Amino acid sequence: MSKNEVHISSLVVRAKPNYLDALIKQISAFDEAEVYGSNPEGKIVVVVETSQQKFVSEVIDQINAFEGVLSVSLIFHQVDDQKSLARECV
C-alpha cells in the first residue's frame, strides 16, 4: 500500500426523515466527508476521501452509529495515486 494513495468512496445513508438535518450537519463535520445531496425521504449522498482504506471503514462505522441512521451503503470505492490526480487537475 502506497502512502500516496487516495481512497474516494461514495455512500448512501438512509435515515429517518426527522433526523435528516441533524445528520447532514454531523456528517459534514467530518474532514473526510462531503454531503453531495439529500432528499426529504431520508437519503443522503456522501463522498468520502481518505488516505487509507481503513479510514473509509471508520467513517462508515461512525455514521452508522449516529442516531436516526437506518443504513449506510458503500456504492463506489476507487483507489488512486495522488500524483495522477494532480496531473488530471492540471
PDB file of N, CA and C in Angstrom:
ATOM      1  N   MET A   1       0.848  -1.189   0.000  1.00  0.00           N
ATOM      2  CA  MET A   1       0.000   0.000   0.000  1.00  0.00           C
ATOM      3  C   MET A   1       0.887   1.244   0.000  1.00  0.00           C
ATOM      4  N   SER A   2       0.635   2.104  -0.896  1.00  0.00           N
ATOM      5  CA  SER A   2       1.383   3.342  -1.032  1.00  0.00           C
ATOM      6  C   SER A   2       0.839   4.402  -0.082  1.00  0.00           C
ATOM      7  N   LYS A   3       1.748   5.169   0.510  1.00  0.00           N
ATOM      8  CA  LYS A   3       1.273   6.242   1.377  1.00  0.00           C
ATOM      9  C   LYS A   3       0.752   7.418   0.573  1.00  0.00           C
ATOM     10  N   ASN A   4       0.884   7.342  -0.758  1.00  0.00           N
ATOM     11  CA  ASN A   4       0.370   8.385  -1.633  1.00  0.00           C
ATOM     12  C   ASN A   4      -0.995   8.041  -2.204  1.00  0.00           C
ATOM     13  N   GLU A   5      -1.621   7.012  -1.656  1.00  0.00           N
ATOM     14  CA  GLU A   5      -2.941   6.611  -2.142  1.00  0.00           C
ATOM     15  C   GLU A   5      -4.021   7.591  -1.714  1.00  0.00           C
ATOM     16  N   VAL A   6      -5.029   7.684  -2.563  1.00  0.00           N
ATOM     17  CA  VAL A   6      -6.230   8.440  -2.242  1.00  0.00           C
ATOM     18  C   VAL A   6      -7.404   7.497  -2.449  1.00  0.00           C
ATOM     19  N   HIS A   7      -8.195   7.313  -1.418  1.00  0.00           N
ATOM     20  CA  HIS A   7      -9.380   6.462  -1.495  1.00  0.00           C
ATOM     21  C   HIS A   7     -10.599   7.368  -1.600  1.00  0.00           C
ATOM     22  N   ILE A   8     -11.318   7.231  -2.702  1.00  0.00           N
ATOM     23  CA  ILE A   8     -12.516   8.032  -2.934  1.00  0.00           C
ATOM     24  C   ILE A   8     -13.700   7.070  -2.933  1.00  0.00           C
ATOM     25  N   SER A   9     -14.649   7.327  -2.061  1.00  0.00           N
ATOM     26  CA  SER A   9     -15.804   6.448  -1.913  1.00  0.00           C
ATOM     27  C   SER A   9     -17.080   7.261  -1.906  1.00  0.00           C
ATOM     28  N   SER A  10     -18.136   6.653  -2.402  1.00  0.00           N
ATOM     29  CA  SER A  10     -19.445   7.288  -2.278  1.00  0.00           C
ATOM     30  C   SER A  10     -20.332   6.379  -1.452  1.00  0.00           C
ATOM     31  N   LEU A  11     -21.144   7.007  -0.631  1.00  0.00           N
ATOM     32  CA  LEU A  11     -22.039   6.304   0.280  1.00  0.00           C
ATOM     33  C   LEU A  11     -23.457   6.813   0.092  1.00  0.00           C
ATOM     34  N   VAL A  12     -24.408   5.945   0.360  1.00  0.00           N
ATOM     35  CA  VAL A  12     -25.793   6.376   0.500  1.00  0.00           C
ATOM     36  C   VAL A  12     -26.196   6.053   1.930  1.00  0.00           C
ATOM     37  N   VAL A  13     -26.592   7.082   2.638  1.00  0.00           N
ATOM     38  CA  VAL A  13     -27.052   6.944   4.023  1.00  0.00           C
ATOM     39  C   VAL A  13     -28.569   7.019   3.997  1.00  0.00           C
ATOM     40  N   ARG A  14     -29.206   6.007   4.565  1.00  0.00           N
ATOM     41  CA  ARG A  14     -30.670   6.032   4.719  1.00  0.00           C
ATOM     42  C   ARG A  14     -30.948   6.398   6.166  1.00  0.00           C
ATOM     43  N   ALA A  15     -31.808   7.386   6.340  1.00  0.00           N
ATOM     44  CA  ALA A  15     -32.063   7.917   7.673  1.00  0.00           C
ATOM     45  C   ALA A  15     -33.551   8.141   7.888  1.00  0.00           C
ATOM     46  N   LYS A  16     -33.902   8.215   9.142  1.00  0.00           N
ATOM     47  CA  LYS A  16     -35.272   8.617   9.470  1.00  0.00           C
ATOM     48  C   LYS A  16     -35.413  10.085   9.063  1.00  0.00           C
ATOM     49  N   PRO A  17     -36.447  10.421   8.306  1.00  0.00           N
ATOM     50  CA  PRO A  17     -36.576  11.788   7.777  1.00  0.00           C
ATOM     51  C   PRO A  17     -36.492  12.894   8.826  1.00  0.00           C
ATOM     52  N   ASN A  18     -36.992  12.653  10.018  1.00  0.00           N
ATOM     53  CA  ASN A  18     -36.961  13.704  11.038  1.00  0.00           C
ATOM     54  C   ASN A  18     -35.554  13.942  11.604  1.00  0.00           C
ATOM     55  N   TYR A  19     -34.582  13.097  11.258  1.00  0.00           N
ATOM     56  CA  TYR A  19     -33.195  13.275  11.693  1.00  0.00           C
ATOM     57  C   TYR A  19     -32.319  13.858  10.580  1.00  0.00           C
ATOM     58  N   LEU A  20     -32.874  14.090   9.416  1.00  0.00           N
ATOM     59  CA  LEU A  20     -32.114  14.445   8.223  1.00  0.00           C
ATOM     60  C   LEU A  20     -31.204  15.658   8.429  1.00  0.00           C
ATOM     61  N   ASP A  21     -31.737  16.758   8.897  1.00  0.00           N
ATOM     62  CA  ASP A  21     -30.932  17.975   9.060  1.00  0.00           C
ATOM     63  C   ASP A  21     -29.789  17.773  10.049  1.00  0.00           C
ATOM     64  N   ALA A  22     -30.073  17.131  11.164  1.00  0.00           N
ATOM     65  CA  ALA A  22     -29.034  16.890  12.173  1.00  0.00           C
ATOM     66  C   ALA A  22     -27.942  15.972  11.627  1.00  0.00           C
ATOM     67  N   LEU A  23     -28.332  14.947  10.874  1.00  0.00           N
ATOM     68  CA  LEU A  23     -27.348  14.028  10.317  1.00  0.00           C
ATOM     69  C   LEU A  23     -26.476  14.694   9.264  1.00  0.00           C
ATOM     70  N   ILE A  24     -27.064  15.537   8.454  1.00  0.00           N
ATOM     71  CA  ILE A  24     -26.272  16.259   7.450  1.00  0.00           C
ATOM     72  C   ILE A  24     -25.211  17.109   8.141  1.00  0.00           C
ATOM     73  N   LYS A  25     -25.557  17.757   9.244  1.00  0.00           N
ATOM     74  CA  LYS A  25     -24.585  18.560   9.999  1.00  0.00           C
ATOM     75  C   LYS A  25     -23.495  17.675  10.591  1.00  0.00           C
ATOM     76  N   GLN A  26     -23.885  16.523  11.156  1.00  0.00           N
ATOM     77  CA  GLN A  26     -22.907  15.618  11.761  1.00  0.00           C
ATOM     78  C   GLN A  26     -21.950  15.057  10.713  1.00  0.00           C
ATOM     79  N   ILE A  27     -22.477  14.643   9.587  1.00  0.00           N
ATOM     80  CA  ILE A  27     -21.642  14.082   8.529  1.00  0.00           C
ATOM     81  C   ILE A  27     -20.732  15.154   7.947  1.00  0.00           C
ATOM     82  N   SER A  28     -21.250  16.344   7.765  1.00  0.00           N
ATOM     83  CA  SER A  28     -20.463  17.446   7.213  1.00  0.00           C
ATOM     84  C   SER A  28     -19.310  17.852   8.127  1.00  0.00           C
ATOM     85  N   ALA A  29     -19.392  17.505   9.398  1.00  0.00           N
ATOM     86  CA  ALA A  29     -18.333  17.844  10.347  1.00  0.00           C
ATOM     87  C   ALA A  29     -17.071  16.993  10.150  1.00  0.00           C
ATOM     88  N   PHE A  30     -17.181  15.864   9.463  1.00  0.00           N
ATOM     89  CA  PHE A  30     -16.009  15.047   9.165  1.00  0.00           C
ATOM     90  C   PHE A  30     -15.136  15.779   8.141  1.00  0.00           C
ATOM     91  N   ASP A  31     -13.832  15.814   8.385  1.00  0.00           N
ATOM     92  CA  ASP A  31     -12.912  16.415   7.413  1.00  0.00           C
ATOM     93  C   ASP A  31     -12.912  15.622   6.114  1.00  0.00           C
ATOM     94  N   GLU A  32     -13.115  14.307   6.212  1.00  0.00           N
ATOM     95  CA  GLU A  32     -13.005  13.420   5.056  1.00  0.00           C
ATOM     96  C   GLU A  32     -14.289  13.302   4.245  1.00  0.00           C
ATOM     97  N   ALA A  33     -15.397  13.833   4.738  1.00  0.00           N
ATOM     98  CA  ALA A  33     -16.695  13.589   4.104  1.00  0.00           C
ATOM     99  C   ALA A  33     -17.337  14.881   3.614  1.00  0.00           C
ATOM    100  N   GLU A  34     -18.062  14.738   2.510  1.00  0.00           N
ATOM    101  CA  GLU A  34     -18.822  15.861   1.976  1.00  0.00           C
ATOM    102  C   GLU A  34     -20.197  15.361   1.565  1.00  0.00           C
ATOM    103  N   VAL A  35     -21.223  16.054   2.022  1.00  0.00           N
ATOM    104  CA  VAL A  35     -22.591  15.709   1.640  1.00  0.00           C
ATOM    105  C   VAL A  35     -22.855  16.317   0.271  1.00  0.00           C
ATOM    106  N   TYR A  36     -23.231  15.460  -0.682  1.00  0.00           N
ATOM    107  CA  TYR A  36     -23.475  15.929  -2.050  1.00  0.00           C
ATOM    108  C   TYR A  36     -24.951  16.124  -2.344  1.00  0.00           C
ATOM    109  N   GLY A  37     -25.799  15.597  -1.497  1.00  0.00           N
ATOM    110  CA  GLY A  37     -27.219  15.787  -1.723  1.00  0.00           C
ATOM    111  C   GLY A  37     -28.041  14.960  -0.753  1.00  0.00           C
ATOM    112  N   SER A  38     -29.319  15.272  -0.722  1.00  0.00           N
ATOM    113  CA  SER A  38     -30.244  14.537   0.141  1.00  0.00           C
ATOM    114  C   SER A  38     -31.651  14.721  -0.419  1.00  0.00           C
ATOM    115  N   ASN A  39     -32.556  13.904   0.082  1.00  0.00           N
ATOM    116  CA  ASN A  39     -33.959  14.101  -0.278  1.00  0.00           C
ATOM    117  C   ASN A  39     -34.805  14.001   0.986  1.00  0.00           C
ATOM    118  N   PRO A  40     -36.010  14.515   0.954  1.00  0.00           N
ATOM    119  CA  PRO A  40     -36.860  14.564   2.153  1.00  0.00           C
ATOM    120  C   PRO A  40     -37.231  13.180   2.705  1.00  0.00           C
ATOM    121  N   GLU A  41     -37.094  12.141   1.882  1.00  0.00           N
ATOM    122  CA  GLU A  41     -37.428  10.790   2.351  1.00  0.00           C
ATOM    123  C   GLU A  41     -36.341  10.204   3.241  1.00  0.00           C
ATOM    124  N   GLY A  42     -35.186  10.866   3.338  1.00  0.00           N
ATOM    125  CA  GLY A  42     -34.143  10.420   4.266  1.00  0.00           C
ATOM    126  C   GLY A  42     -32.916   9.817   3.621  1.00  0.00           C
ATOM    127  N   LYS A  43     -32.698  10.052   2.349  1.00  0.00           N
ATOM    128  CA  LYS A  43     -31.479   9.561   1.705  1.00  0.00           C
ATOM    129  C   LYS A  43     -30.466  10.694   1.620  1.00  0.00           C
ATOM    130  N   ILE A  44     -29.224  10.356   1.954  1.00  0.00           N
ATOM    131  CA  ILE A  44     -28.129  11.321   1.923  1.00  0.00           C
ATOM    132  C   ILE A  44     -27.000  10.709   1.092  1.00  0.00           C
ATOM    133  N   VAL A  45     -26.496  11.463   0.120  1.00  0.00           N
ATOM    134  CA  VAL A  45     -25.359  11.026  -0.690  1.00  0.00           C
ATOM    135  C   VAL A  45     -24.111  11.686  -0.125  1.00  0.00           C
ATOM    136  N   VAL A  46     -23.099  10.853   0.169  1.00  0.00           N
ATOM    137  CA  VAL A  46     -21.880  11.332   0.804  1.00  0.00           C
ATOM    138  C   VAL A  46     -20.676  10.859  -0.008  1.00  0.00           C
ATOM    139  N   VAL A  47     -19.693  11.729  -0.186  1.00  0.00           N
ATOM    140  CA  VAL A  47     -18.420  11.345  -0.787  1.00  0.00           C
ATOM    141  C   VAL A  47     -17.354  11.441   0.302  1.00  0.00           C
ATOM    142  N   VAL A  48     -16.564  10.380   0.400  1.00  0.00           N
ATOM    143  CA  VAL A  48     -15.509  10.294   1.410  1.00  0.00           C
ATOM    144  C   VAL A  48     -14.171  10.197   0.680  1.00  0.00           C
ATOM    145  N   GLU A  49     -13.215  11.022   1.083  1.00  0.00           N
ATOM    146  CA  GLU A  49     -11.871  10.974   0.519  1.00  0.00           C
ATOM    147  C   GLU A  49     -10.876  10.833   1.661  1.00  0.00           C
ATOM    148  N   THR A  50     -10.139   9.717   1.654  1.00  0.00           N
ATOM    149  CA  THR A  50      -9.188   9.432   2.726  1.00  0.00           C
ATOM    150  C   THR A  50      -7.871   8.933   2.150  1.00  0.00           C
ATOM    151  N   SER A  51      -6.865   8.855   3.003  1.00  0.00           N
ATOM    152  CA  SER A  51      -5.552   8.391   2.577  1.00  0.00           C
ATOM    153  C   SER A  51      -5.371   6.887   2.775  1.00  0.00           C
ATOM    154  N   GLN A  52      -6.256   6.264   3.534  1.00  0.00           N
ATOM    155  CA  GLN A  52      -6.145   4.825   3.795  1.00  0.00           C
ATOM    156  C   GLN A  52      -7.526   4.193   3.775  1.00  0.00           C
ATOM    157  N   GLN A  53      -7.575   2.951   3.294  1.00  0.00           N
ATOM    158  CA  GLN A  53      -8.852   2.250   3.202  1.00  0.00           C
ATOM    159  C   GLN A  53      -9.509   2.087   4.570  1.00  0.00           C
ATOM    160  N   LYS A  54      -8.712   1.859   5.606  1.00  0.00           N
ATOM    161  CA  LYS A  54      -9.295   1.653   6.938  1.00  0.00           C
ATOM    162  C   LYS A  54     -10.074   2.882   7.404  1.00  0.00           C
ATOM    163  N   PHE A  55      -9.665   4.073   6.949  1.00  0.00           N
ATOM    164  CA  PHE A  55     -10.385   5.279   7.333  1.00  0.00           C
ATOM    165  C   PHE A  55     -11.778   5.327   6.705  1.00  0.00           C
ATOM    166  N   VAL A  56     -11.923   4.757   5.513  1.00  0.00           N
ATOM    167  CA  VAL A  56     -13.247   4.675   4.880  1.00  0.00           C
ATOM    168  C   VAL A  56     -14.173   3.860   5.775  1.00  0.00           C
ATOM    169  N   SER A  57     -13.687   2.715   6.223  1.00  0.00           N
ATOM    170  CA  SER A  57     -14.483   1.852   7.109  1.00  0.00           C
ATOM    171  C   SER A  57     -14.817   2.546   8.422  1.00  0.00           C
ATOM    172  N   GLU A  58     -13.860   3.300   8.948  1.00  0.00           N
ATOM    173  CA  GLU A  58     -14.102   4.021  10.207  1.00  0.00           C
ATOM    174  C   GLU A  58     -15.187   5.073  10.043  1.00  0.00           C
ATOM    175  N   VAL A  59     -15.150   5.808   8.931  1.00  0.00           N
ATOM    176  CA  VAL A  59     -16.176   6.827   8.677  1.00  0.00           C
ATOM    177  C   VAL A  59     -17.543   6.163   8.545  1.00  0.00           C
ATOM    178  N   ILE A  60     -17.609   5.054   7.818  1.00  0.00           N
ATOM    179  CA  ILE A  60     -18.876   4.330   7.665  1.00  0.00           C
ATOM    180  C   ILE A  60     -19.398   3.878   9.027  1.00  0.00           C
ATOM    181  N   ASP A  61     -18.531   3.318   9.846  1.00  0.00           N
ATOM    182  CA  ASP A  61     -18.945   2.860  11.185  1.00  0.00           C
ATOM    183  C   ASP A  61     -19.446   4.016  12.042  1.00  0.00           C
ATOM    184  N   GLN A  62     -18.756   5.148  11.975  1.00  0.00           N
ATOM    185  CA  GLN A  62     -19.164   6.301  12.784  1.00  0.00           C
ATOM    186  C   GLN A  62     -20.514   6.847  12.331  1.00  0.00           C
ATOM    187  N   ILE A  63     -20.714   6.948  11.015  1.00  0.00           N
ATOM    188  CA  ILE A  63     -22.001   7.435  10.502  1.00  0.00           C
ATOM    189  C   ILE A  63     -23.105   6.463  10.880  1.00  0.00           C
ATOM    190  N   ASN A  64     -22.828   5.181  10.755  1.00  0.00           N
ATOM    191  CA  ASN A  64     -23.819   4.156  11.068  1.00  0.00           C
ATOM    192  C   ASN A  64     -24.256   4.209  12.537  1.00  0.00           C
ATOM    193  N   ALA A  65     -23.391   4.703  13.398  1.00  0.00           N
ATOM    194  CA  ALA A  65     -23.704   4.772  14.831  1.00  0.00           C
ATOM    195  C   ALA A  65     -24.529   6.008  15.207  1.00  0.00           C
ATOM    196  N   PHE A  66     -24.674   6.969  14.297  1.00  0.00           N
ATOM    197  CA  PHE A  66     -25.443   8.172  14.606  1.00  0.00           C
ATOM    198  C   PHE A  66     -26.917   7.821  14.799  1.00  0.00           C
ATOM    199  N   GLU A  67     -27.535   8.502  15.747  1.00  0.00           N
ATOM    200  CA  GLU A  67     -28.966   8.311  15.980  1.00  0.00           C
ATOM    201  C   GLU A  67     -29.751   8.738  14.741  1.00  0.00           C
ATOM    202  N   GLY A  68     -30.687   7.901  14.352  1.00  0.00           N
ATOM    203  CA  GLY A  68     -31.532   8.198  13.210  1.00  0.00           C
ATOM    204  C   GLY A  68     -31.075   7.550  11.913  1.00  0.00           C
ATOM    205  N   VAL A  69     -29.866   6.968  11.898  1.00  0.00           N
ATOM    206  CA  VAL A  69     -29.364   6.298  10.697  1.00  0.00           C
ATOM    207  C   VAL A  69     -29.945   4.892  10.634  1.00  0.00           C
ATOM    208  N   LEU A  70     -30.520   4.554   9.483  1.00  0.00           N
ATOM    209  CA  LEU A  70     -31.071   3.217   9.265  1.00  0.00           C
ATOM    210  C   LEU A  70     -30.048   2.300   8.600  1.00  0.00           C
ATOM    211  N   SER A  71     -29.263   2.844   7.659  1.00  0.00           N
ATOM    212  CA  SER A  71     -28.228   2.043   6.994  1.00  0.00           C
ATOM    213  C   SER A  71     -27.247   2.968   6.289  1.00  0.00           C
ATOM    214  N   VAL A  72     -26.057   2.434   6.053  1.00  0.00           N
ATOM    215  CA  VAL A  72     -25.034   3.119   5.263  1.00  0.00           C
ATOM    216  C   VAL A  72     -24.545   2.113   4.230  1.00  0.00           C
ATOM    217  N   SER A  73     -24.640   2.473   2.955  1.00  0.00           N
ATOM    218  CA  SER A  73     -24.219   1.574   1.882  1.00  0.00           C
ATOM    219  C   SER A  73     -23.052   2.186   1.111  1.00  0.00           C
ATOM    220  N   LEU A  74     -21.999   1.397   0.952  1.00  0.00           N
ATOM    221  CA  LEU A  74     -20.883   1.803   0.118  1.00  0.00           C
ATOM    222  C   LEU A  74     -21.271   1.536  -1.329  1.00  0.00           C
ATOM    223  N   ILE A  75     -21.321   2.576  -2.138  1.00  0.00           N
ATOM    224  CA  ILE A  75     -21.765   2.460  -3.524  1.00  0.00           C
ATOM    225  C   ILE A  75     -20.574   2.378  -4.474  1.00  0.00           C
ATOM    226  N   PHE A  76     -19.506   3.089  -4.174  1.00  0.00           N
ATOM    227  CA  PHE A  76     -18.359   3.176  -5.074  1.00  0.00           C
ATOM    228  C   PHE A  76     -17.111   3.367  -4.243  1.00  0.00           C
ATOM    229  N   HIS A  77     -16.005   2.728  -4.654  1.00  0.00           N
ATOM    230  CA  HIS A  77     -14.719   2.921  -3.990  1.00  0.00           C
ATOM    231  C   HIS A  77     -13.628   2.833  -5.039  1.00  0.00           C
ATOM    232  N   GLN A  78     -12.829   3.878  -5.130  1.00  0.00           N
ATOM    233  CA  GLN A  78     -11.728   3.922  -6.088  1.00  0.00           C
ATOM    234  C   GLN A  78     -10.453   4.271  -5.338  1.00  0.00           C
ATOM    235  N   VAL A  79      -9.373   3.586  -5.691  1.00  0.00           N
ATOM    236  CA  VAL A  79      -8.066   3.906  -5.135  1.00  0.00           C
ATOM    237  C   VAL A  79      -7.261   4.539  -6.252  1.00  0.00           C
ATOM    238  N   ASP A  80      -6.702   5.699  -5.957  1.00  0.00           N
ATOM    239  CA  ASP A  80      -5.909   6.395  -6.963  1.00  0.00           C
ATOM    240  C   ASP A  80      -4.622   6.868  -6.313  1.00  0.00           C
ATOM    241  N   ASP A  81      -3.749   7.355  -7.125  1.00  0.00           N
ATOM    242  CA  ASP A  81      -2.469   7.883  -6.690  1.00  0.00           C
ATOM    243  C   ASP A  81      -2.563   9.400  -6.687  1.00  0.00           C
ATOM    244  N   GLN A  82      -2.076  10.033  -5.631  1.00  0.00           N
ATOM    245  CA  GLN A  82      -2.153  11.492  -5.537  1.00  0.00           C
ATOM    246  C   GLN A  82      -1.488  12.175  -6.723  1.00  0.00           C
ATOM    247  N   LYS A  83      -0.390  11.612  -7.230  1.00  0.00           N
ATOM    248  CA  LYS A  83       0.322  12.221  -8.356  1.00  0.00           C
ATOM    249  C   LYS A  83      -0.544  12.193  -9.620  1.00  0.00           C
ATOM    250  N   SER A  84      -1.217  11.080  -9.864  1.00  0.00           N
ATOM    251  CA  SER A  84      -2.037  11.004 -11.071  1.00  0.00           C
ATOM    252  C   SER A  84      -3.249  11.934 -10.961  1.00  0.00           C
ATOM    253  N   LEU A  85      -3.799  12.074  -9.751  1.00  0.00           N
ATOM    254  CA  LEU A  85      -4.915  13.013  -9.568  1.00  0.00           C
ATOM    255  C   LEU A  85      -4.459  14.446  -9.817  1.00  0.00           C
ATOM    256  N   ALA A  86      -3.265  14.776  -9.368  1.00  0.00           N
ATOM    257  CA  ALA A  86      -2.744  16.132  -9.568  1.00  0.00           C
ATOM    258  C   ALA A  86      -2.547  16.413 -11.055  1.00  0.00           C
ATOM    259  N   ARG A  87      -2.079  15.408 -11.811  1.00  0.00           N
ATOM    260  CA  ARG A  87      -1.898  15.595 -13.263  1.00  0.00           C
ATOM    261  C   ARG A  87      -3.238  15.790 -13.957  1.00  0.00           C
ATOM    262  N   GLU A  88      -4.269  15.085 -13.503  1.00  0.00           N
ATOM    263  CA  GLU A  88      -5.589  15.206 -14.120  1.00  0.00           C
ATOM    264  C   GLU A  88      -6.199  16.574 -13.888  1.00  0.00           C
ATOM    265  N   CYS A  89      -5.845  17.225 -12.794  1.00  0.00           N
ATOM    266  CA  CYS A  89      -6.427  18.530 -12.449  1.00  0.00           C
ATOM    267  C   CYS A  89      -5.738  19.680 -13.177  1.00  0.00           C
ATOM    268  N   VAL A  90      -4.615  19.420 -13.800  1.00  0.00           N
ATOM    269  CA  VAL A  90      -3.861  20.486 -14.482  1.00  0.00           C
ATOM    270  C   VAL A  90      -4.445  20.754 -15.850  1.00  0.00           C
TER     271      VAL A  90
END
